[in-house]
Amino acid sequence: MDLENGLRLLLLLQFFFSHCLTLVVVKRVLQKHVEDKARCLCCLVID
């Protein structure tokens, strides 16, 4: 019973970490994309 709970916890942690990592990567990519867009808009406004 203890081993089963341990495995379940391990799977949950693995899922959580992979999910978190995916979110972080997506957020970084989106952030860079948004920053580029904002920079372009600033350039347009300044020009």
PDB file of N, CA and C in Angstrom:
ATOM      1  N   MET A   1       0.834  -1.201   0.000  1.00  0.00           N
ATOM      2  CA  MET A   1       0.000   0.000   0.000  1.00  0.00           C
ATOM      3  C   MET A   1       0.872   1.255   0.000  1.00  0.00           C
ATOM      4  N   ASP A   2       1.937   1.227   0.816  1.00  0.00           N
ATOM      5  CA  ASP A   2       2.844   2.377   0.890  1.00  0.00           C
ATOM      6  C   ASP A   2       3.535   2.614  -0.447  1.00  0.00           C
ATOM      7  N   LEU A   3       3.971   1.522  -1.066  1.00  0.00           N
ATOM      8  CA  LEU A   3       4.667   1.606  -2.349  1.00  0.00           C
ATOM      9  C   LEU A   3       3.741   2.191  -3.413  1.00  0.00           C
ATOM     10  N   GLU A   4       2.494   1.784  -3.369  1.00  0.00           N
ATOM     11  CA  GLU A   4       1.517   2.262  -4.350  1.00  0.00           C
ATOM     12  C   GLU A   4       1.325   3.778  -4.204  1.00  0.00           C
ATOM     13  N   ASN A   5       1.215   4.234  -2.974  1.00  0.00           N
ATOM     14  CA  ASN A   5       1.071   5.673  -2.729  1.00  0.00           C
ATOM     15  C   ASN A   5       2.305   6.446  -3.182  1.00  0.00           C
ATOM     16  N   GLY A   6       3.459   5.858  -2.929  1.00  0.00           N
ATOM     17  CA  GLY A   6       4.714   6.479  -3.340  1.00  0.00           C
ATOM     18  C   GLY A   6       4.798   6.629  -4.852  1.00  0.00           C
ATOM     19  N   LEU A   7       4.404   5.572  -5.555  1.00  0.00           N
ATOM     20  CA  LEU A   7       4.409   5.607  -7.019  1.00  0.00           C
ATOM     21  C   LEU A   7       3.421   6.641  -7.538  1.00  0.00           C
ATOM     22  N   ARG A   8       2.266   6.714  -6.898  1.00  0.00           N
ATOM     23  CA  ARG A   8       1.241   7.672  -7.309  1.00  0.00           C
ATOM     24  C   ARG A   8       1.761   9.098  -7.131  1.00  0.00           C
ATOM     25  N   LEU A   9       2.423   9.321  -6.001  1.00  0.00           N
ATOM     26  CA  LEU A   9       2.993  10.636  -5.709  1.00  0.00           C
ATOM     27  C   LEU A   9       4.076  10.991  -6.728  1.00  0.00           C
ATOM     28  N   LEU A  10       4.897   9.989  -7.054  1.00  0.00           N
ATOM     29  CA  LEU A  10       5.976  10.186  -8.023  1.00  0.00           C
ATOM     30  C   LEU A  10       5.401  10.561  -9.390  1.00  0.00           C
ATOM     31  N   LEU A  11       4.348   9.853  -9.815  1.00  0.00           N
ATOM     32  CA  LEU A  11       3.698  10.153 -11.093  1.00  0.00           C
ATOM     33  C   LEU A  11       3.118  11.556 -11.079  1.00  0.00           C
ATOM     34  N   LEU A  12       2.496  11.917  -9.965  1.00  0.00           N
ATOM     35  CA  LEU A  12       1.905  13.239  -9.833  1.00  0.00           C
ATOM     36  C   LEU A  12       2.978  14.312  -9.927  1.00  0.00           C
ATOM     37  N   LEU A  13       4.095  14.097  -9.241  1.00  0.00           N
ATOM     38  CA  LEU A  13       5.207  15.055  -9.285  1.00  0.00           C
ATOM     39  C   LEU A  13       5.775  15.165 -10.692  1.00  0.00           C
ATOM     40  N   GLN A  14       5.949  14.019 -11.339  1.00  0.00           N
ATOM     41  CA  GLN A  14       6.487  14.000 -12.695  1.00  0.00           C
ATOM     42  C   GLN A  14       5.572  14.778 -13.634  1.00  0.00           C
ATOM     43  N   PHE A  15       4.265  14.542 -13.512  1.00  0.00           N
ATOM     44  CA  PHE A  15       3.292  15.230 -14.347  1.00  0.00           C
ATOM     45  C   PHE A  15       3.330  16.731 -14.061  1.00  0.00           C
ATOM     46  N   PHE A  16       3.367  17.077 -12.766  1.00  0.00           N
ATOM     47  CA  PHE A  16       3.388  18.474 -12.358  1.00  0.00           C
ATOM     48  C   PHE A  16       4.612  19.195 -12.906  1.00  0.00           C
ATOM     49  N   PHE A  17       5.778  18.556 -12.769  1.00  0.00           N
ATOM     50  CA  PHE A  17       7.013  19.196 -13.221  1.00  0.00           C
ATOM     51  C   PHE A  17       7.055  19.349 -14.739  1.00  0.00           C
ATOM     52  N   SER A  18       6.626  18.317 -15.466  1.00  0.00           N
ATOM     53  CA  SER A  18       6.640  18.416 -16.927  1.00  0.00           C
ATOM     54  C   SER A  18       5.642  19.471 -17.382  1.00  0.00           C
ATOM     55  N   HIS A  19       4.501  19.531 -16.702  1.00  0.00           N
ATOM     56  CA  HIS A  19       3.478  20.520 -17.030  1.00  0.00           C
ATOM     57  C   HIS A  19       4.006  21.922 -16.743  1.00  0.00           C
ATOM     58  N   CYS A  20       4.650  22.084 -15.589  1.00  0.00           N
ATOM     59  CA  CYS A  20       5.215  23.377 -15.191  1.00  0.00           C
ATOM     60  C   CYS A  20       6.285  23.813 -16.185  1.00  0.00           C
ATOM     61  N   LEU A  21       7.135  22.877 -16.565  1.00  0.00           N
ATOM     62  CA  LEU A  21       8.211  23.183 -17.502  1.00  0.00           C
ATOM     63  C   LEU A  21       7.628  23.653 -18.832  1.00  0.00           C
ATOM     64  N   THR A  22       6.591  22.957 -19.288  1.00  0.00           N
ATOM     65  CA  THR A  22       5.928  23.341 -20.536  1.00  0.00           C
ATOM     66  C   THR A  22       5.366  24.750 -20.412  1.00  0.00           C
ATOM     67  N   LEU A  23       4.721  25.034 -19.289  1.00  0.00           N
ATOM     68  CA  LEU A  23       4.141  26.358 -19.073  1.00  0.00           C
ATOM     69  C   LEU A  23       5.216  27.433 -19.086  1.00  0.00           C
ATOM     70  N   VAL A  24       6.336  27.156 -18.424  1.00  0.00           N
ATOM     71  CA  VAL A  24       7.431  28.130 -18.369  1.00  0.00           C
ATOM     72  C   VAL A  24       7.964  28.416 -19.768  1.00  0.00           C
ATOM     73  N   VAL A  25       8.178  27.356 -20.545  1.00  0.00           N
ATOM     74  CA  VAL A  25       8.694  27.520 -21.907  1.00  0.00           C
ATOM     75  C   VAL A  25       7.710  28.316 -22.761  1.00  0.00           C
ATOM     76  N   VAL A  26       6.437  27.941 -22.698  1.00  0.00           N
ATOM     77  CA  VAL A  26       5.406  28.643 -23.472  1.00  0.00           C
ATOM     78  C   VAL A  26       5.347  30.109 -23.067  1.00  0.00           C
ATOM     79  N   LYS A  27       5.413  30.352 -21.754  1.00  0.00           N
ATOM     80  CA  LYS A  27       5.361  31.724 -21.246  1.00  0.00           C
ATOM     81  C   LYS A  27       6.546  32.527 -21.765  1.00  0.00           C
ATOM     82  N   ARG A  28       7.726  31.933 -21.761  1.00  0.00           N
ATOM     83  CA  ARG A  28       8.925  32.627 -22.254  1.00  0.00           C
ATOM     84  C   ARG A  28       8.789  32.975 -23.719  1.00  0.00           C
ATOM     85  N   VAL A  29       8.345  32.000 -24.510  1.00  0.00           N
ATOM     86  CA  VAL A  29       8.185  32.214 -25.949  1.00  0.00           C
ATOM     87  C   VAL A  29       7.160  33.317 -26.198  1.00  0.00           C
ATOM     88  N   LEU A  30       6.035  33.231 -25.504  1.00  0.00           N
ATOM     89  CA  LEU A  30       4.985  34.239 -25.661  1.00  0.00           C
ATOM     90  C   LEU A  30       5.475  35.603 -25.218  1.00  0.00           C
ATOM     91  N   GLN A  31       6.208  35.640 -24.113  1.00  0.00           N
ATOM     92  CA  GLN A  31       6.717  36.907 -23.586  1.00  0.00           C
ATOM     93  C   GLN A  31       7.645  37.566 -24.602  1.00  0.00           C
ATOM     94  N   LYS A  32       8.522  36.772 -25.206  1.00  0.00           N
ATOM     95  CA  LYS A  32       9.443  37.305 -26.204  1.00  0.00           C
ATOM     96  C   LYS A  32       8.650  37.828 -27.401  1.00  0.00           C
ATOM     97  N   HIS A  33       7.649  37.073 -27.810  1.00  0.00           N
ATOM     98  CA  HIS A  33       6.814  37.461 -28.941  1.00  0.00           C
ATOM     99  C   HIS A  33       6.091  38.779 -28.633  1.00  0.00           C
ATOM    100  N   VAL A  34       5.527  38.867 -27.433  1.00  0.00           N
ATOM    101  CA  VAL A  34       4.806  40.079 -27.026  1.00  0.00           C
ATOM    102  C   VAL A  34       5.759  41.265 -26.942  1.00  0.00           C
ATOM    103  N   GLU A  35       6.958  41.024 -26.412  1.00  0.00           N
ATOM    104  CA  GLU A  35       7.941  42.108 -26.314  1.00  0.00           C
ATOM    105  C   GLU A  35       8.327  42.613 -27.694  1.00  0.00           C
ATOM    106  N   ASP A  36       8.537  41.696 -28.635  1.00  0.00           N
ATOM    107  CA  ASP A  36       8.864  42.082 -30.013  1.00  0.00           C
ATOM    108  C   ASP A  36       7.735  42.915 -30.609  1.00  0.00           C
ATOM    109  N   LYS A  37       6.496  42.470 -30.394  1.00  0.00           N
ATOM    110  CA  LYS A  37       5.341  43.199 -30.909  1.00  0.00           C
ATOM    111  C   LYS A  37       5.271  44.596 -30.278  1.00  0.00           C
ATOM    112  N   ALA A  38       5.473  44.676 -28.975  1.00  0.00           N
ATOM    113  CA  ALA A  38       5.428  45.959 -28.278  1.00  0.00           C
ATOM    114  C   ALA A  38       6.526  46.883 -28.803  1.00  0.00           C
ATOM    115  N   ARG A  39       7.691  46.319 -29.045  1.00  0.00           N
ATOM    116  CA  ARG A  39       8.810  47.103 -29.559  1.00  0.00           C
ATOM    117  C   ARG A  39       8.453  47.647 -30.944  1.00  0.00           C
ATOM    118  N   CYS A  40       7.864  46.810 -31.777  1.00  0.00           N
ATOM    119  CA  CYS A  40       7.455  47.226 -33.123  1.00  0.00           C
ATOM    120  C   CYS A  40       6.443  48.361 -33.036  1.00  0.00           C
ATOM    121  N   LEU A  41       5.481  48.217 -32.113  1.00  0.00           N
ATOM    122  CA  LEU A  41       4.462  49.251 -31.940  1.00  0.00           C
ATOM    123  C   LEU A  41       5.110  50.558 -31.488  1.00  0.00           C
ATOM    124  N   CYS A  42       6.077  50.457 -30.565  1.00  0.00           N
ATOM    125  CA  CYS A  42       6.784  51.646 -30.089  1.00  0.00           C
ATOM    126  C   CYS A  42       7.524  52.312 -31.250  1.00  0.00           C
ATOM    127  N   CYS A  43       8.166  51.481 -32.089  1.00  0.00           N
ATOM    128  CA  CYS A  43       8.890  52.011 -33.247  1.00  0.00           C
ATOM    129  C   CYS A  43       7.935  52.753 -34.169  1.00  0.00           C
ATOM    130  N   LEU A  44       6.755  52.170 -34.387  1.00  0.00           N
ATOM    131  CA  LEU A  44       5.756  52.792 -35.256  1.00  0.00           C
ATOM    132  C   LEU A  44       5.305  54.131 -34.681  1.00  0.00           C
ATOM    133  N   VAL A  45       5.067  54.140 -33.381  1.00  0.00           N
ATOM    134  CA  VAL A  45       4.599  55.372 -32.723  1.00  0.00           C
ATOM    135  C   VAL A  45       5.683  56.448 -32.780  1.00  0.00           C
ATOM    136  N   ILE A  46       6.928  56.061 -32.516  1.00  0.00           N
ATOM    137  CA  ILE A  46       8.032  57.028 -32.512  1.00  0.00           C
ATOM    138  C   ILE A  46       8.291  57.554 -33.916  1.00  0.00           C
ATOM    139  N   ASP A  47       8.256  56.657 -34.910  1.00  0.00           N
ATOM    140  CA  ASP A  47       8.466  57.074 -36.303  1.00  0.00           C
ATOM    141  C   ASP A  47       7.233  57.829 -36.771  1.00  0.00           C
TER     142      ASP A  47
END
